[in-house]
N, C-alpha and C. Protein backbone atom coordinates (compact mmCIF):
# COMPACT_ATOMS: atom_id res chain seq x y z
N MET A 1 103.07 43.66 -32.72
CA MET A 1 102.99 42.82 -33.38
C MET A 1 101.66 43.06 -34.77
N ASP A 2 102.03 42.76 -35.67
CA ASP A 2 100.99 42.93 -36.92
C ASP A 2 99.93 41.52 -37.07
N MET A 3 98.52 42.11 -36.44
CA MET A 3 96.96 41.86 -36.08
C MET A 3 96.92 41.05 -37.35
N ASP A 4 96.80 41.74 -38.34
CA ASP A 4 96.81 41.01 -40.01
C ASP A 4 97.49 39.71 -40.07
N LYS A 5 98.27 39.96 -40.15
CA LYS A 5 99.55 38.86 -40.40
C LYS A 5 99.33 37.66 -39.39
N LEU A 6 99.10 38.02 -38.61
CA LEU A 6 98.67 36.79 -37.28
C LEU A 6 97.89 36.41 -37.83
N LYS A 7 96.16 36.66 -38.01
CA LYS A 7 95.40 36.30 -38.83
C LYS A 7 95.41 35.76 -39.99
N GLN A 8 95.98 36.15 -40.81
CA GLN A 8 96.22 35.25 -42.14
C GLN A 8 97.28 33.92 -41.86
N TRP A 9 97.96 34.02 -41.05
CA TRP A 9 98.92 33.13 -40.66
C TRP A 9 97.96 31.55 -39.88
N MET A 10 97.24 32.02 -39.01
CA MET A 10 96.14 31.25 -38.47
C MET A 10 95.13 30.65 -39.64
N GLU A 11 94.70 31.31 -40.57
CA GLU A 11 93.92 30.86 -41.55
C GLU A 11 94.39 30.45 -42.28
N ILE A 12 95.68 30.29 -42.76
CA ILE A 12 96.78 29.22 -43.44
C ILE A 12 97.01 27.51 -42.43
N ALA A 13 97.08 28.24 -41.14
CA ALA A 13 97.34 27.11 -40.29
C ALA A 13 96.01 26.15 -40.32
N LYS A 14 94.81 26.96 -40.06
CA LYS A 14 93.75 26.06 -40.17
C LYS A 14 93.36 25.60 -41.42
N ASN A 15 93.97 25.75 -41.87
CA ASN A 15 93.06 25.07 -44.03
C ASN A 15 94.39 23.90 -43.92
N MET A 16 95.87 23.79 -42.98
CA MET A 16 96.20 22.90 -42.95
C MET A 16 95.97 21.55 -42.68
N HIS A 17 95.33 21.86 -41.07
CA HIS A 17 95.22 21.08 -40.01
C HIS A 17 93.75 21.02 -39.90
N GLY A 18 93.26 21.24 -40.28
CA GLY A 18 91.83 20.92 -40.31
C GLY A 18 90.96 21.83 -39.60
N GLY A 19 89.39 22.79 -39.75
CA GLY A 19 88.26 23.50 -39.13
C GLY A 19 88.88 23.85 -37.70
N ASP A 20 88.81 22.58 -36.86
CA ASP A 20 88.75 22.89 -35.13
C ASP A 20 89.99 22.82 -34.85
N PHE A 21 91.18 23.11 -35.58
CA PHE A 21 92.27 22.85 -34.81
C PHE A 21 92.59 23.92 -33.74
N TRP A 22 92.34 25.45 -33.92
CA TRP A 22 92.66 26.56 -33.57
C TRP A 22 91.93 26.83 -32.19
N GLU A 23 90.42 26.01 -32.87
CA GLU A 23 89.70 26.28 -31.57
C GLU A 23 89.41 25.66 -30.65
N ASN A 24 90.56 24.31 -31.05
CA ASN A 24 90.89 23.49 -29.68
C ASN A 24 91.40 23.76 -29.05
N ILE A 25 92.69 24.61 -29.78
CA ILE A 25 93.98 25.58 -29.03
C ILE A 25 93.83 26.20 -27.49
N PHE A 26 92.39 26.81 -28.12
CA PHE A 26 92.25 27.65 -27.80
C PHE A 26 90.82 27.81 -26.40
N ASP A 27 90.15 26.50 -26.46
CA ASP A 27 89.22 26.29 -26.11
C ASP A 27 89.44 25.49 -24.55
N GLN A 28 89.37 26.26 -23.44
CA GLN A 28 89.46 26.52 -22.11
C GLN A 28 88.95 24.90 -21.87
N GLU A 29 88.14 24.58 -22.01
CA GLU A 29 86.96 23.21 -21.68
C GLU A 29 87.58 21.74 -22.08
N PHE A 30 88.69 21.96 -23.49
CA PHE A 30 88.85 20.92 -23.86
C PHE A 30 90.22 20.70 -23.21
N ALA A 31 90.92 21.59 -23.23
CA ALA A 31 91.89 21.99 -22.44
C ALA A 31 92.28 21.02 -21.45
N GLN A 32 91.09 21.57 -20.39
CA GLN A 32 91.02 20.92 -18.98
C GLN A 32 90.51 19.02 -19.35
N GLN A 33 89.64 19.10 -20.49
CA GLN A 33 89.29 17.72 -20.55
C GLN A 33 90.88 16.32 -20.87
N PHE A 34 91.51 17.20 -21.40
CA PHE A 34 92.64 16.35 -21.80
C PHE A 34 93.29 16.89 -20.70
N VAL A 35 93.61 17.15 -19.51
CA VAL A 35 94.33 16.77 -18.63
C VAL A 35 93.68 15.82 -17.95
N ASN A 36 92.41 16.18 -17.71
CA ASN A 36 91.57 15.33 -16.70
C ASN A 36 91.45 13.87 -17.16
N ASP A 37 91.55 13.61 -18.34
CA ASP A 37 91.50 12.18 -19.32
C ASP A 37 92.81 11.59 -18.74
N GLN A 38 94.00 12.65 -18.71
CA GLN A 38 95.51 11.57 -18.94
C GLN A 38 96.23 12.30 -18.12
N PRO A 39 95.40 12.14 -16.81
CA PRO A 39 96.66 12.41 -15.38
C PRO A 39 97.86 11.80 -15.44
N PHE A 40 99.11 12.97 -15.32
CA PHE A 40 100.52 12.55 -15.16
C PHE A 40 100.41 11.89 -14.20
N LYS A 41 101.55 10.71 -14.30
CA LYS A 41 101.82 9.92 -13.34
C LYS A 41 103.69 9.76 -13.26
N SER A 42 103.80 10.20 -11.82
CA SER A 42 105.28 9.95 -12.06
C SER A 42 105.76 8.46 -12.02
N PRO A 43 106.80 8.15 -12.17
CA PRO A 43 107.51 6.18 -13.10
C PRO A 43 107.68 5.99 -11.53
N PHE A 44 107.80 7.10 -10.58
CA PHE A 44 108.04 5.89 -8.87
C PHE A 44 107.13 5.95 -8.73
N ARG A 45 106.48 6.88 -8.30
CA ARG A 45 105.56 7.51 -6.93
C ARG A 45 103.71 6.92 -7.80
N GLY A 46 103.63 5.65 -7.82
CA GLY A 46 102.36 5.31 -8.66
C GLY A 46 101.18 5.49 -7.88
N ASN A 47 100.44 3.73 -7.64
CA ASN A 47 100.01 3.12 -7.31
C ASN A 47 100.19 1.92 -6.00
N GLY A 48 101.56 1.67 -6.24
CA GLY A 48 102.02 0.82 -5.47
C GLY A 48 102.70 -0.19 -6.66
N ASP A 49 102.12 -0.53 -7.82
CA ASP A 49 102.78 -1.63 -8.53
C ASP A 49 103.85 -0.99 -9.03
N LYS A 50 104.64 -1.83 -9.79
CA LYS A 50 106.00 -1.66 -10.75
C LYS A 50 105.30 -1.37 -12.26
N SER A 51 105.62 -0.49 -12.45
CA SER A 51 105.33 0.04 -13.75
C SER A 51 106.09 -0.50 -14.98
N ASN A 52 106.21 -0.59 -15.98
CA ASN A 52 107.19 -0.84 -17.08
C ASN A 52 108.30 -0.01 -16.99
N ASP A 53 108.08 1.06 -16.85
CA ASP A 53 109.01 2.48 -16.62
C ASP A 53 109.45 1.89 -15.55
N GLU A 54 109.10 2.06 -14.14
CA GLU A 54 109.80 1.37 -12.73
C GLU A 54 110.87 0.30 -12.89
N GLU A 55 110.21 -0.25 -13.34
CA GLU A 55 111.34 -2.18 -14.16
C GLU A 55 112.52 -1.15 -14.64
N LYS A 56 112.56 -0.12 -15.57
CA LYS A 56 113.43 0.12 -16.69
C LYS A 56 114.32 1.05 -16.10
N ILE A 57 113.96 1.90 -14.96
CA ILE A 57 114.68 2.77 -14.23
C ILE A 57 115.44 1.94 -13.24
N LEU A 58 114.78 1.12 -12.69
CA LEU A 58 115.68 0.00 -11.93
C LEU A 58 116.77 -0.81 -12.26
N ARG A 59 116.76 -1.07 -13.47
CA ARG A 59 117.40 -2.05 -14.63
C ARG A 59 118.88 -1.05 -14.57
N THR A 60 118.47 -0.01 -14.58
CA THR A 60 119.34 1.38 -15.01
C THR A 60 120.00 2.46 -13.97
N PHE A 61 119.27 1.71 -13.16
CA PHE A 61 119.92 2.73 -11.64
C PHE A 61 121.03 1.87 -10.85
N PRO A 62 122.46 2.74 -11.09
CA PRO A 62 122.71 3.68 -10.97
C PRO A 62 123.10 4.23 -12.39
N LEU A 63 122.99 5.35 -13.09
CA LEU A 63 123.24 5.75 -14.20
C LEU A 63 124.78 5.45 -14.12
N ILE A 64 125.69 5.10 -15.06
CA ILE A 64 127.18 4.67 -15.37
C ILE A 64 127.76 5.43 -16.52
N ASP A 65 129.03 5.80 -16.56
CA ASP A 65 129.82 6.09 -17.75
C ASP A 65 130.85 5.45 -17.50
N VAL A 66 131.48 4.44 -18.66
CA VAL A 66 132.35 3.65 -18.62
C VAL A 66 133.71 5.17 -19.54
N ILE A 67 134.87 5.43 -19.19
CA ILE A 67 135.55 5.92 -19.92
C ILE A 67 137.29 5.02 -19.92
N GLU A 68 136.91 4.29 -21.33
CA GLU A 68 138.47 3.90 -21.40
C GLU A 68 139.55 4.58 -22.07
N GLY A 69 140.64 4.81 -21.37
CA GLY A 69 141.68 5.82 -21.97
C GLY A 69 142.87 4.45 -22.11
N GLU A 70 143.81 4.66 -22.69
CA GLU A 70 145.05 4.03 -22.96
C GLU A 70 145.83 3.34 -21.82
N LYS A 71 145.68 4.01 -20.93
CA LYS A 71 146.27 3.50 -19.46
C LYS A 71 145.29 2.95 -18.40
N GLU A 72 144.54 3.35 -18.61
CA GLU A 72 143.19 3.53 -17.16
C GLU A 72 141.99 3.23 -17.91
N VAL A 73 141.43 2.94 -17.14
CA VAL A 73 139.71 2.67 -17.31
C VAL A 73 138.81 3.13 -16.09
N THR A 74 138.17 4.00 -16.11
CA THR A 74 137.39 4.80 -15.20
C THR A 74 135.73 4.24 -15.20
N VAL A 75 135.14 3.99 -14.18
CA VAL A 75 133.79 4.06 -14.65
C VAL A 75 133.37 4.95 -13.43
N LEU A 76 132.21 5.66 -13.79
CA LEU A 76 131.72 6.68 -13.15
C LEU A 76 129.93 5.92 -12.65
N ILE A 77 129.92 6.14 -11.52
CA ILE A 77 128.55 5.82 -11.31
C ILE A 77 127.94 6.87 -10.41
N GLU A 78 127.24 7.02 -10.40
CA GLU A 78 125.85 8.48 -10.40
C GLU A 78 125.06 7.83 -9.45
N LEU A 79 125.11 8.43 -7.87
CA LEU A 79 124.81 7.64 -7.00
C LEU A 79 124.04 9.00 -6.40
N PRO A 80 123.22 9.80 -6.77
CA PRO A 80 122.56 11.54 -5.70
C PRO A 80 121.92 10.76 -4.69
N GLY A 81 122.84 11.15 -3.26
CA GLY A 81 121.48 11.58 -2.43
C GLY A 81 121.89 10.25 -1.21
N VAL A 82 123.35 8.98 -2.30
CA VAL A 82 123.38 8.01 -1.53
C VAL A 82 124.50 7.96 -0.40
N LYS A 83 124.61 7.82 0.74
CA LYS A 83 125.94 7.62 1.06
C LYS A 83 126.62 6.09 1.10
N LYS A 84 128.29 6.97 1.51
CA LYS A 84 129.34 6.14 1.05
C LYS A 84 128.76 4.88 1.70
N GLU A 85 128.75 4.97 3.01
CA GLU A 85 128.48 3.56 3.91
C GLU A 85 127.33 2.57 3.12
N ASP A 86 126.41 3.29 2.26
CA ASP A 86 125.48 2.11 1.40
C ASP A 86 125.40 2.02 0.99
N ILE A 87 125.98 1.63 0.51
CA ILE A 87 127.02 1.19 -1.35
C ILE A 87 127.75 -0.08 -0.87
N GLN A 88 127.91 -0.95 -1.90
CA GLN A 88 128.93 -2.41 -2.03
C GLN A 88 129.45 -2.45 -3.10
N LEU A 89 130.77 -2.83 -3.73
CA LEU A 89 131.44 -3.12 -4.54
C LEU A 89 131.57 -4.26 -4.50
N GLY A 90 131.12 -4.97 -5.93
CA GLY A 90 132.05 -6.48 -5.69
C GLY A 90 132.79 -6.66 -7.14
N LEU A 91 133.49 -7.75 -7.16
CA LEU A 91 134.02 -8.35 -8.82
C LEU A 91 133.99 -9.22 -9.00
N SER A 92 133.41 -9.67 -10.05
CA SER A 92 133.86 -11.32 -10.32
C SER A 92 134.34 -11.47 -11.81
N GLY A 93 135.17 -11.58 -11.86
CA GLY A 93 135.93 -11.94 -13.64
C GLY A 93 135.80 -10.25 -14.22
N ASN A 94 135.33 -9.76 -15.38
CA ASN A 94 134.97 -8.56 -15.50
C ASN A 94 133.84 -7.91 -15.19
N VAL A 95 132.79 -8.83 -14.11
CA VAL A 95 131.82 -7.81 -13.97
C VAL A 95 131.63 -7.36 -12.62
N LEU A 96 131.70 -6.29 -12.90
CA LEU A 96 131.69 -5.12 -11.42
C LEU A 96 130.41 -4.87 -10.73
N SER A 97 129.87 -5.20 -9.67
CA SER A 97 128.53 -5.18 -9.44
C SER A 97 127.97 -3.97 -8.54
N ILE A 98 127.58 -3.66 -8.32
CA ILE A 98 127.40 -2.44 -7.16
C ILE A 98 126.07 -2.70 -6.52
N LYS A 99 125.74 -2.51 -5.29
CA LYS A 99 124.45 -2.71 -4.87
C LYS A 99 124.24 -1.49 -3.48
N GLY A 100 123.22 -1.39 -3.48
CA GLY A 100 123.26 -0.27 -1.79
C GLY A 100 121.50 0.48 -1.90
N SER A 101 121.29 1.36 -1.45
CA SER A 101 120.04 1.68 -1.14
C SER A 101 120.08 2.65 -0.92
N SER A 102 119.07 3.58 -1.14
CA SER A 102 118.73 5.45 -2.19
C SER A 102 117.46 5.48 -1.02
N LEU A 103 118.20 6.22 0.40
CA LEU A 103 117.06 6.91 1.13
C LEU A 103 116.49 8.14 0.63
N PRO A 104 115.35 8.29 1.16
CA PRO A 104 114.69 9.59 0.59
C PRO A 104 115.14 10.92 2.29
N LEU A 105 115.25 11.97 1.90
CA LEU A 105 116.27 12.76 2.85
C LEU A 105 115.23 12.98 4.18
N HIS A 106 113.96 13.28 3.90
CA HIS A 106 113.25 12.95 4.95
C HIS A 106 112.04 12.14 4.54
N PRO A 107 112.22 10.85 5.22
CA PRO A 107 111.31 9.36 5.23
C PRO A 107 110.18 9.91 5.64
N SER A 108 109.87 10.81 6.77
CA SER A 108 108.64 10.99 7.39
C SER A 108 108.03 11.77 6.45
N ILE A 109 108.32 12.26 5.38
CA ILE A 109 107.62 12.94 4.52
C ILE A 109 107.48 12.56 3.59
N LYS A 110 105.86 12.23 3.08
CA LYS A 110 105.67 11.60 1.70
C LYS A 110 105.37 13.03 0.54
N PRO A 111 106.10 12.94 -0.44
CA PRO A 111 106.17 13.46 -1.28
C PRO A 111 105.25 13.48 -2.74
N SER A 112 104.39 14.79 -2.65
CA SER A 112 103.64 14.76 -3.68
C SER A 112 103.72 14.25 -5.13
N TYR A 113 104.98 14.57 -5.41
CA TYR A 113 105.52 14.32 -6.65
C TYR A 113 106.75 13.72 -6.46
N SER A 114 107.40 12.99 -7.04
CA SER A 114 108.64 12.30 -7.39
C SER A 114 109.22 11.60 -8.22
N GLU A 115 110.32 12.07 -9.17
CA GLU A 115 111.28 11.28 -10.10
C GLU A 115 112.55 11.26 -9.43
N ARG A 116 112.60 10.62 -8.27
CA ARG A 116 113.97 10.24 -7.34
C ARG A 116 113.72 9.12 -7.17
N TYR A 117 114.85 8.21 -7.56
CA TYR A 117 114.55 6.50 -6.93
C TYR A 117 114.70 6.61 -5.41
N TYR A 118 113.95 5.78 -4.57
CA TYR A 118 114.51 5.46 -3.64
C TYR A 118 114.22 3.74 -3.29
N GLY A 119 115.12 3.30 -2.80
CA GLY A 119 115.07 1.94 -2.23
C GLY A 119 116.19 0.83 -2.19
N GLU A 120 116.54 -0.32 -2.58
CA GLU A 120 117.38 -0.74 -2.89
C GLU A 120 117.79 -1.06 -4.24
N PHE A 121 118.72 -1.06 -4.84
CA PHE A 121 119.24 -1.44 -6.32
C PHE A 121 120.33 -2.04 -5.95
N GLN A 122 120.65 -2.61 -7.79
CA GLN A 122 121.78 -3.49 -7.91
C GLN A 122 122.25 -3.34 -8.98
N ARG A 123 123.39 -4.00 -9.59
CA ARG A 123 123.29 -3.00 -11.03
C ARG A 123 124.93 -3.87 -11.47
N ALA A 124 125.22 -4.66 -12.64
CA ALA A 124 126.32 -5.41 -12.88
C ALA A 124 126.49 -4.36 -14.29
N ILE A 125 127.74 -4.27 -13.94
CA ILE A 125 128.96 -3.69 -14.91
C ILE A 125 130.11 -4.19 -15.50
N THR A 126 129.89 -4.58 -17.08
CA THR A 126 130.56 -5.55 -17.79
C THR A 126 131.58 -4.12 -18.28
N LEU A 127 132.77 -4.89 -17.63
CA LEU A 127 134.28 -4.39 -17.65
C LEU A 127 135.04 -4.40 -18.99
N PRO A 128 135.55 -3.75 -19.85
CA PRO A 128 136.36 -3.93 -21.22
C PRO A 128 137.57 -5.28 -20.78
N ASP A 129 138.47 -5.08 -19.87
CA ASP A 129 139.22 -6.14 -19.77
C ASP A 129 138.88 -6.77 -18.44
N SER A 130 139.77 -8.06 -18.22
CA SER A 130 139.93 -8.64 -17.39
C SER A 130 140.46 -7.93 -15.81
N VAL A 131 140.17 -8.56 -14.70
CA VAL A 131 141.50 -6.90 -14.01
C VAL A 131 140.83 -8.26 -12.48
N SER A 132 141.93 -7.92 -10.96
CA SER A 132 141.70 -8.11 -10.61
C SER A 132 141.15 -7.19 -9.50
N SER A 133 140.81 -7.66 -8.06
CA SER A 133 139.80 -6.94 -7.02
C SER A 133 141.41 -6.21 -6.91
N ASN A 134 142.19 -6.52 -6.53
CA ASN A 134 143.35 -5.68 -6.08
C ASN A 134 143.87 -4.78 -6.78
N GLU A 135 143.92 -4.32 -8.04
CA GLU A 135 144.08 -3.55 -8.96
C GLU A 135 142.83 -1.93 -8.96
N LEU A 136 141.82 -2.52 -8.76
CA LEU A 136 140.62 -1.41 -8.55
C LEU A 136 140.90 0.00 -7.58
N ARG A 137 140.73 0.74 -7.57
CA ARG A 137 140.56 1.54 -6.71
C ARG A 137 139.45 2.46 -6.83
N ALA A 138 138.91 3.18 -6.00
CA ALA A 138 137.18 3.49 -5.79
C ALA A 138 137.31 4.41 -4.95
N LYS A 139 136.58 5.73 -5.29
CA LYS A 139 136.69 6.85 -4.50
C LYS A 139 135.32 7.45 -4.93
N PHE A 140 134.95 7.60 -3.62
CA PHE A 140 133.33 8.36 -3.40
C PHE A 140 133.47 10.01 -3.34
N TRP A 141 132.77 10.86 -4.40
CA TRP A 141 132.95 12.09 -4.08
C TRP A 141 131.84 13.00 -5.03
N ASN A 142 131.24 13.76 -3.91
CA ASN A 142 129.72 14.47 -4.31
C ASN A 142 128.65 13.61 -5.07
N GLY A 143 128.55 12.60 -4.65
CA GLY A 143 127.16 11.57 -5.41
C GLY A 143 127.80 10.70 -6.49
N ILE A 144 129.13 11.12 -6.71
CA ILE A 144 129.44 10.24 -7.77
C ILE A 144 130.56 8.82 -7.21
N LEU A 145 130.79 7.74 -8.01
CA LEU A 145 131.91 6.98 -7.13
C LEU A 145 132.57 6.19 -9.04
N PHE A 146 133.76 7.07 -8.40
CA PHE A 146 134.60 6.76 -9.28
C PHE A 146 135.53 5.31 -8.96
N VAL A 147 135.17 4.40 -9.71
CA VAL A 147 135.89 2.99 -9.79
C VAL A 147 137.46 3.31 -11.36
N SER A 148 138.31 2.93 -10.54
CA SER A 148 139.57 2.97 -11.65
C SER A 148 140.44 1.40 -11.85
N TYR A 149 140.86 1.27 -12.70
CA TYR A 149 142.27 0.84 -12.87
C TYR A 149 143.21 0.61 -14.22
N PRO A 150 144.21 -0.04 -13.62
CA PRO A 150 145.48 0.30 -14.55
C PRO A 150 145.15 -0.66 -15.77
N ARG A 151 145.49 -0.23 -17.36
CA ARG A 151 145.29 -1.20 -18.05
C ARG A 151 146.71 -1.73 -18.71
N THR A 152 146.63 -3.25 -18.14
CA THR A 152 147.63 -3.74 -18.74
C THR A 152 147.38 -4.73 -19.88
N PHE A 153 148.52 -4.35 -20.87
CA PHE A 153 148.43 -5.36 -22.27
C PHE A 153 149.13 -6.38 -22.10
N LYS A 154 149.06 -7.56 -21.88
CA LYS A 154 149.49 -8.21 -21.87
C LYS A 154 150.14 -9.39 -22.93
N VAL A 155 150.95 -9.54 -23.55
CA VAL A 155 151.86 -10.32 -24.25
C VAL A 155 150.80 -11.62 -24.14
N GLY A 156 150.55 -12.65 -25.16
CA GLY A 156 150.01 -14.00 -24.83
C GLY A 156 151.43 -15.00 -25.56
N GLU A 157 151.39 -15.86 -25.08
CA GLU A 157 152.51 -16.91 -25.44
C GLU A 157 152.20 -17.38 -26.60
N ILE A 158 153.70 -17.49 -27.61
CA ILE A 158 153.97 -17.53 -28.65
C ILE A 158 153.52 -19.65 -28.78
N ILE A 159 152.64 -19.77 -29.35
CA ILE A 159 152.67 -21.56 -29.38
C ILE A 159 153.23 -22.12 -30.57
N PRO A 160 154.44 -23.26 -30.50
CA PRO A 160 155.02 -23.34 -31.96
C PRO A 160 153.89 -24.54 -32.54
N ILE A 161 153.79 -24.13 -33.91
CA ILE A 161 153.00 -24.98 -34.54
C ILE A 161 153.89 -26.28 -34.93
N ASP A 162 153.44 -27.71 -35.03
CA ASP A 162 154.10 -28.77 -35.59
C ASP A 162 153.89 -28.91 -37.01
């Protein structure tokens, strides 16, 4: 590496960003102060109060994909670490509901840091079609719940106009 070119580049950056930019980058005390002033907090394991981030996660857990094909609709529901026995599915009109609980792998050990969600969850998923519960098929495989149903396009009745 050519040190003269590096020094020239650093001088240009210093002029563009202000005089103390590079000193702060390489100053260990400044970096430590920054780390101490803004401690990292997991959105799930904080002081016990639900933060806005945790409430947002609760509204979007579990993560889903809805795949609309011409002949079938499939909903993929991501449930890492959740057992099939801890999941309940329901259907009301065209709203598929899922609820259950996600338990830690080692309940007696409290992690020092965690991004995974543990606890009760519930989510409502609006399906693109009206469907009856007997048309739904559900399969749980590798932490993903596959819920699918065949698409049927019904031709409406023609109403005569007087």
